[in-house]
């Protein structure tokens, strides 16, 4: 799943979950309210996981760049 598509799905889950939760509260439907809470949390967690994944990718790029720079410096010394 692309990052943009994942973010859209995450936001959709948060929005739809919030609506279900609200409708459940208003109508007294505890089951619907619970489903809404679960869907909202699912969207929040997916969003956080993607953010962590983005940070990990950035860290990997920095580390790879530093390693390549060190290799290049070592080659120049020889």
N, C-alpha and C. Protein backbone atom coordinates (compact mmCIF):
# COMPACT_ATOMS: atom_id res chain seq x y z
N UNK A 1 0.85 -1.17 0.00
CA UNK A 1 0.00 0.00 0.00
C UNK A 1 0.90 1.24 0.00
N UNK A 2 0.59 2.19 -0.90
CA UNK A 2 1.40 3.39 -0.94
C UNK A 2 1.15 4.22 0.32
N UNK A 3 2.11 5.06 0.62
CA UNK A 3 2.02 5.86 1.84
C UNK A 3 0.81 6.78 1.80
N UNK A 4 0.56 7.41 0.65
CA UNK A 4 -0.58 8.32 0.53
C UNK A 4 -1.89 7.55 0.70
N UNK A 5 -1.99 6.40 0.06
CA UNK A 5 -3.21 5.59 0.18
C UNK A 5 -3.40 5.16 1.63
N UNK A 6 -2.31 4.79 2.29
CA UNK A 6 -2.38 4.38 3.69
C UNK A 6 -2.85 5.51 4.58
N UNK A 7 -2.38 6.73 4.33
CA UNK A 7 -2.80 7.87 5.13
C UNK A 7 -4.28 8.17 4.91
N UNK A 8 -4.73 8.03 3.66
CA UNK A 8 -6.14 8.25 3.37
C UNK A 8 -7.00 7.23 4.11
N UNK A 9 -6.58 5.96 4.06
CA UNK A 9 -7.33 4.90 4.76
C UNK A 9 -7.34 5.15 6.27
N UNK A 10 -6.21 5.56 6.81
CA UNK A 10 -6.11 5.84 8.24
C UNK A 10 -7.08 6.97 8.63
N UNK A 11 -7.07 8.04 7.85
CA UNK A 11 -7.97 9.17 8.14
C UNK A 11 -9.43 8.78 7.96
N UNK A 12 -9.70 7.93 6.97
CA UNK A 12 -11.08 7.46 6.76
C UNK A 12 -11.56 6.67 7.97
N UNK A 13 -10.69 5.78 8.47
CA UNK A 13 -11.05 4.99 9.65
C UNK A 13 -11.33 5.88 10.85
N UNK A 14 -10.51 6.91 11.04
CA UNK A 14 -10.73 7.82 12.16
C UNK A 14 -12.06 8.56 12.01
N UNK A 15 -12.35 9.03 10.81
CA UNK A 15 -13.58 9.78 10.57
C UNK A 15 -14.82 8.89 10.71
N UNK A 16 -14.82 7.76 10.02
CA UNK A 16 -15.98 6.86 10.06
C UNK A 16 -16.17 6.31 11.47
N UNK A 17 -15.07 5.99 12.13
CA UNK A 17 -15.16 5.49 13.50
C UNK A 17 -15.78 6.52 14.43
N UNK A 18 -15.38 7.79 14.25
CA UNK A 18 -15.95 8.85 15.07
C UNK A 18 -17.44 9.02 14.85
N UNK A 19 -17.86 8.90 13.59
CA UNK A 19 -19.29 9.00 13.28
C UNK A 19 -20.05 7.83 13.91
N UNK A 20 -19.53 6.62 13.75
CA UNK A 20 -20.20 5.45 14.35
C UNK A 20 -20.31 5.61 15.86
N UNK A 21 -19.23 6.07 16.47
CA UNK A 21 -19.23 6.24 17.93
C UNK A 21 -20.30 7.25 18.35
N UNK A 22 -20.37 8.36 17.64
CA UNK A 22 -21.35 9.40 17.96
C UNK A 22 -22.78 8.90 17.76
N UNK A 23 -23.02 8.24 16.64
CA UNK A 23 -24.35 7.71 16.37
C UNK A 23 -24.72 6.68 17.44
N UNK A 24 -23.76 5.85 17.82
CA UNK A 24 -24.01 4.87 18.86
C UNK A 24 -24.38 5.51 20.18
N UNK A 25 -23.69 6.60 20.54
CA UNK A 25 -24.00 7.31 21.79
C UNK A 25 -25.40 7.91 21.74
N UNK A 26 -25.70 8.57 20.62
CA UNK A 26 -26.98 9.26 20.49
C UNK A 26 -28.15 8.28 20.51
N UNK A 27 -27.97 7.14 19.87
CA UNK A 27 -29.07 6.16 19.77
C UNK A 27 -29.07 5.16 20.92
N UNK A 28 -28.05 5.22 21.75
CA UNK A 28 -27.96 4.27 22.86
C UNK A 28 -27.51 2.88 22.41
N UNK A 29 -26.92 2.80 21.23
CA UNK A 29 -26.45 1.52 20.68
C UNK A 29 -24.99 1.32 21.11
N UNK A 30 -24.79 0.63 22.21
CA UNK A 30 -23.45 0.44 22.76
C UNK A 30 -22.54 -0.34 21.81
N UNK A 31 -23.11 -1.28 21.09
CA UNK A 31 -22.33 -2.09 20.15
C UNK A 31 -21.76 -1.20 19.03
N UNK A 32 -22.58 -0.33 18.47
CA UNK A 32 -22.13 0.58 17.42
C UNK A 32 -21.10 1.57 17.97
N UNK A 33 -21.33 2.04 19.17
CA UNK A 33 -20.39 2.97 19.81
C UNK A 33 -19.03 2.30 19.98
N UNK A 34 -19.03 1.07 20.44
CA UNK A 34 -17.77 0.33 20.63
C UNK A 34 -17.07 0.09 19.29
N UNK A 35 -17.83 -0.29 18.27
CA UNK A 35 -17.24 -0.49 16.94
C UNK A 35 -16.60 0.80 16.45
N UNK A 36 -17.26 1.92 16.71
CA UNK A 36 -16.71 3.22 16.32
C UNK A 36 -15.41 3.54 17.04
N UNK A 37 -15.37 3.27 18.33
CA UNK A 37 -14.15 3.51 19.11
C UNK A 37 -13.00 2.65 18.58
N UNK A 38 -13.30 1.40 18.29
CA UNK A 38 -12.27 0.49 17.78
C UNK A 38 -11.75 0.97 16.43
N UNK A 39 -12.67 1.36 15.54
CA UNK A 39 -12.25 1.81 14.22
C UNK A 39 -11.44 3.10 14.31
N UNK A 40 -11.82 3.99 15.20
CA UNK A 40 -11.07 5.24 15.39
C UNK A 40 -9.65 4.93 15.87
N UNK A 41 -9.54 4.06 16.87
CA UNK A 41 -8.22 3.70 17.39
C UNK A 41 -7.37 3.01 16.33
N UNK A 42 -8.01 2.17 15.52
CA UNK A 42 -7.30 1.49 14.43
C UNK A 42 -6.69 2.53 13.48
N UNK A 43 -7.47 3.53 13.12
CA UNK A 43 -6.98 4.58 12.23
C UNK A 43 -5.84 5.36 12.86
N UNK A 44 -5.96 5.66 14.15
CA UNK A 44 -4.91 6.40 14.85
C UNK A 44 -3.61 5.59 14.88
N UNK A 45 -3.72 4.30 15.19
CA UNK A 45 -2.53 3.45 15.28
C UNK A 45 -1.87 3.27 13.91
N UNK A 46 -2.68 3.09 12.87
CA UNK A 46 -2.12 2.96 11.53
C UNK A 46 -1.38 4.23 11.13
N UNK A 47 -1.95 5.38 11.47
CA UNK A 47 -1.30 6.65 11.17
C UNK A 47 0.04 6.78 11.89
N UNK A 48 0.06 6.41 13.16
CA UNK A 48 1.31 6.48 13.93
C UNK A 48 2.34 5.50 13.39
N UNK A 49 1.90 4.32 12.99
CA UNK A 49 2.82 3.33 12.43
C UNK A 49 3.45 3.84 11.14
N UNK A 50 2.66 4.51 10.31
CA UNK A 50 3.21 5.06 9.07
C UNK A 50 4.21 6.17 9.36
N UNK A 51 3.91 6.99 10.37
CA UNK A 51 4.85 8.06 10.74
C UNK A 51 6.17 7.46 11.21
N UNK A 52 6.11 6.40 12.00
CA UNK A 52 7.33 5.74 12.47
C UNK A 52 8.09 5.14 11.29
N UNK A 53 7.35 4.55 10.36
CA UNK A 53 7.96 3.98 9.17
C UNK A 53 8.67 5.04 8.35
N UNK A 54 8.05 6.22 8.20
CA UNK A 54 8.68 7.32 7.48
C UNK A 54 9.97 7.76 8.17
N UNK A 55 9.93 7.84 9.49
CA UNK A 55 11.12 8.24 10.25
C UNK A 55 12.22 7.20 10.11
N UNK A 56 11.85 5.93 10.14
CA UNK A 56 12.83 4.86 10.00
C UNK A 56 13.49 4.92 8.62
N UNK A 57 12.69 5.18 7.59
CA UNK A 57 13.25 5.29 6.24
C UNK A 57 14.24 6.45 6.16
N UNK A 58 13.91 7.57 6.79
CA UNK A 58 14.81 8.73 6.79
C UNK A 58 16.10 8.41 7.51
N UNK A 59 16.00 7.72 8.64
CA UNK A 59 17.18 7.35 9.41
C UNK A 59 18.05 6.40 8.59
N UNK A 60 17.44 5.44 7.91
CA UNK A 60 18.20 4.50 7.07
C UNK A 60 18.95 5.25 5.98
N UNK A 61 18.31 6.26 5.37
CA UNK A 61 18.95 7.03 4.31
C UNK A 61 20.16 7.80 4.85
N UNK A 62 20.02 8.38 6.03
CA UNK A 62 21.13 9.12 6.64
C UNK A 62 22.30 8.19 6.94
N UNK A 63 21.99 7.04 7.51
CA UNK A 63 23.04 6.07 7.86
C UNK A 63 23.74 5.58 6.59
N UNK A 64 22.95 5.25 5.57
CA UNK A 64 23.55 4.79 4.31
C UNK A 64 24.43 5.87 3.71
N UNK A 65 23.99 7.11 3.77
CA UNK A 65 24.80 8.22 3.26
C UNK A 65 26.11 8.37 4.02
N UNK A 66 26.04 8.24 5.34
CA UNK A 66 27.26 8.34 6.16
C UNK A 66 28.22 7.20 5.87
N UNK A 67 27.69 6.01 5.68
CA UNK A 67 28.54 4.86 5.35
C UNK A 67 29.20 5.08 3.99
N UNK A 68 28.42 5.53 3.02
CA UNK A 68 29.00 5.79 1.70
C UNK A 68 30.06 6.88 1.74
N UNK A 69 29.83 7.92 2.53
CA UNK A 69 30.83 8.98 2.68
C UNK A 69 32.12 8.43 3.29
N UNK A 70 31.98 7.58 4.30
CA UNK A 70 33.15 6.99 4.95
C UNK A 70 33.91 6.10 3.98
N UNK A 71 33.20 5.33 3.18
CA UNK A 71 33.85 4.47 2.18
C UNK A 71 34.60 5.32 1.16
N UNK A 72 33.95 6.38 0.69
CA UNK A 72 34.59 7.28 -0.28
C UNK A 72 35.85 7.92 0.29
N UNK A 73 35.81 8.36 1.56
CA UNK A 73 36.99 8.96 2.21
C UNK A 73 38.12 7.94 2.29
N UNK A 74 37.77 6.71 2.64
CA UNK A 74 38.74 5.64 2.79
C UNK A 74 39.39 5.35 1.43
N UNK A 75 38.62 5.34 0.37
CA UNK A 75 39.16 5.08 -0.98
C UNK A 75 40.11 6.19 -1.40
N UNK A 76 39.79 7.44 -1.05
CA UNK A 76 40.64 8.57 -1.42
C UNK A 76 41.98 8.52 -0.69
N UNK A 77 42.00 8.01 0.55
CA UNK A 77 43.22 7.92 1.33
C UNK A 77 44.18 6.88 0.74
N UNK A 78 43.61 5.86 0.09
CA UNK A 78 44.44 4.77 -0.42
C UNK A 78 45.05 5.18 -1.68
